[in-house]
Amino acid sequence: MAKKTTKKAAAPKKATAKKATAKKATVKKAAAPKATAKKAAAPKATAKKAAAPKKKSARKPNAAFMKPLNPSKELAEIVGGNPIPRTEVMKKVWAYIKKNNLQDAKNRRAINADDKLKAVFGGKKQVTMFEMTKLVSNHLK
């Protein structure tokens, strides 16, 4: 079975090309009125946005994080001996780290422990931020 190859005439392609240009001309004419219609519609959209601002409800803190906890002796040297919430403990630990410049210079995720923090970190010289949270929570009851 031999396949027959057929060639298309060049004349129909030229005719379609002329039609395409004719369509483009009509599209350009039609595009001008649409642009003015969009400009007129723009003020309506802004009026809707201004009319419907939604009130955002304030986030309520998780009660488990806000429960005052007693720090251990080692942790009390850094954050104080009074019962305070876990969130405040971490704020005070970070304030202590920044005050004493204990973040590693090259790897900012690492915390270099001084004598007080070594007791909290279980004798480790250096811990990451994520390990620190775990180790500090072991000193809260």
Protein backbone atom coordinates (compact mmCIF):
# COMPACT_ATOMS: atom_id res chain seq x y z
CA MET A 1 0.00 0.00 0.00
CA ALA A 2 1.54 3.23 -1.09
CA LYS A 3 0.51 6.45 0.56
CA LYS A 4 -0.51 9.27 -1.63
CA THR A 5 0.96 12.64 -0.89
CA THR A 6 -1.11 15.64 -1.70
CA LYS A 7 0.10 19.18 -1.93
CA LYS A 8 -2.13 22.05 -0.95
CA ALA A 9 -2.45 24.92 -3.31
CA ALA A 10 -0.82 28.18 -2.29
CA ALA A 11 -3.82 30.26 -3.36
CA PRO A 12 -6.11 29.29 -0.43
CA LYS A 13 -3.39 30.24 2.08
CA LYS A 14 -3.17 33.70 0.60
CA ALA A 15 -6.93 34.07 0.79
CA THR A 16 -6.96 33.10 4.48
CA ALA A 17 -4.16 35.54 5.16
CA LYS A 18 -6.24 38.36 3.68
CA LYS A 19 -9.20 37.36 5.80
CA ALA A 20 -7.04 37.36 8.94
CA THR A 21 -5.90 40.91 8.29
CA ALA A 22 -9.46 41.96 7.71
CA LYS A 23 -10.44 40.43 11.06
CA LYS A 24 -7.56 42.20 12.83
CA ALA A 25 -8.77 45.53 11.55
CA THR A 26 -12.25 44.91 12.91
CA VAL A 27 -10.84 43.74 16.23
CA LYS A 28 -8.87 46.97 16.61
CA LYS A 29 -11.99 49.00 15.99
CA ALA A 30 -13.93 46.99 18.55
CA ALA A 31 -11.14 47.21 21.13
CA ALA A 32 -11.39 50.99 21.43
CA PRO A 33 -14.95 51.02 22.85
CA LYS A 34 -14.08 48.22 25.32
CA ALA A 35 -11.23 50.26 26.77
CA THR A 36 -13.60 53.10 27.59
CA ALA A 37 -16.05 50.63 29.08
CA LYS A 38 -13.33 49.32 31.42
CA LYS A 39 -12.49 52.82 32.56
CA ALA A 40 -16.12 53.43 33.42
CA ALA A 41 -16.34 50.14 35.33
CA ALA A 42 -13.28 50.90 37.49
CA PRO A 43 -15.01 53.37 39.86
CA LYS A 44 -17.77 50.83 40.55
CA ALA A 45 -15.22 48.23 41.68
CA THR A 46 -13.59 50.64 44.13
CA ALA A 47 -16.98 51.58 45.53
CA LYS A 48 -17.68 47.93 46.32
CA LYS A 49 -14.32 47.48 48.08
CA ALA A 50 -14.85 50.56 50.23
CA ALA A 51 -18.38 49.53 51.17
CA ALA A 52 -17.50 46.07 52.51
CA PRO A 53 -14.54 46.18 54.94
CA LYS A 54 -14.66 43.08 57.14
CA LYS A 55 -13.82 43.24 60.83
CA LYS A 56 -10.99 40.95 61.87
CA SER A 57 -11.47 39.22 65.18
CA ALA A 58 -8.54 39.44 67.57
CA ARG A 59 -6.54 36.23 67.96
CA LYS A 60 -6.97 34.58 71.30
CA PRO A 61 -3.75 33.15 72.79
CA ASN A 62 -3.61 29.44 73.49
CA ALA A 63 -4.31 28.87 77.18
CA ALA A 64 -1.58 26.21 77.42
CA PHE A 65 1.09 28.72 76.41
CA MET A 66 -0.20 31.36 78.81
CA LYS A 67 -0.22 29.12 81.89
CA PRO A 68 2.40 30.34 84.40
CA LEU A 69 5.09 27.71 84.99
CA ASN A 70 7.80 27.47 87.63
CA PRO A 71 11.35 27.58 86.25
CA SER A 72 14.07 25.30 87.66
CA LYS A 73 17.02 26.71 89.68
CA GLU A 74 19.24 26.78 86.59
CA LEU A 75 16.66 28.56 84.44
CA ALA A 76 15.68 30.92 87.29
CA GLU A 77 19.19 32.46 87.11
CA ILE A 78 18.32 33.67 83.59
CA VAL A 79 14.58 34.44 83.69
CA GLY A 80 13.87 34.99 87.38
CA GLY A 81 12.26 32.75 89.99
CA ASN A 82 8.60 33.80 89.64
CA PRO A 83 6.12 31.61 87.73
CA ILE A 84 5.80 32.98 84.19
CA PRO A 85 4.23 31.71 80.92
CA ARG A 86 6.31 29.69 78.47
CA THR A 87 6.17 32.51 75.91
CA GLU A 88 7.68 34.98 78.37
CA VAL A 89 10.38 32.47 79.33
CA MET A 90 11.52 32.23 75.70
CA LYS A 91 11.45 36.03 75.33
CA LYS A 92 13.68 36.42 78.37
CA VAL A 93 16.05 33.66 77.24
CA TRP A 94 16.40 35.38 73.85
CA ALA A 95 16.95 38.75 75.54
CA TYR A 96 19.74 37.14 77.61
CA ILE A 97 21.31 35.59 74.49
CA LYS A 98 21.28 38.88 72.59
CA LYS A 99 22.47 40.91 75.58
CA ASN A 100 25.51 38.64 76.03
CA ASN A 101 26.09 38.17 72.26
CA LEU A 102 25.79 34.36 72.44
CA GLN A 103 24.56 33.72 68.88
CA ASP A 104 27.22 32.15 66.68
CA ALA A 105 28.69 34.69 64.23
CA LYS A 106 28.79 32.36 61.19
CA ASN A 107 25.77 30.14 61.86
CA ARG A 108 23.13 32.42 63.36
CA ARG A 109 20.89 29.43 64.19
CA ALA A 110 23.43 28.18 66.73
CA ILE A 111 23.60 29.44 70.31
CA ASN A 112 26.94 29.36 72.14
CA ALA A 113 26.31 28.61 75.82
CA ASP A 114 27.96 30.49 78.67
CA ASP A 115 28.14 29.02 82.19
CA LYS A 116 24.52 29.80 83.07
CA LEU A 117 23.14 28.45 79.77
CA LYS A 118 25.32 25.31 79.92
CA ALA A 119 23.40 24.26 83.03
CA VAL A 120 20.11 24.77 81.17
CA PHE A 121 21.36 23.07 77.97
CA GLY A 122 22.52 19.95 79.82
CA GLY A 123 26.25 20.72 79.56
CA LYS A 124 26.30 21.32 75.79
CA LYS A 125 28.58 24.08 74.50
CA GLN A 126 26.43 24.85 71.46
CA VAL A 127 22.80 24.14 70.55
CA THR A 128 20.50 25.17 67.70
CA MET A 129 17.48 27.38 68.22
CA PHE A 130 15.17 24.40 67.89
CA GLU A 131 17.07 22.29 70.41
CA MET A 132 17.10 25.24 72.78
CA THR A 133 13.30 25.37 72.95
CA LYS A 134 13.17 21.68 73.81
CA LEU A 135 15.91 21.95 76.44
CA VAL A 136 14.36 25.02 78.08
CA SER A 137 10.93 23.36 78.27
CA ASN A 138 12.52 20.54 80.31
CA HIS A 139 13.28 23.14 83.01
CA LEU A 140 9.66 24.31 83.33
CA LYS A 141 7.12 22.62 85.61
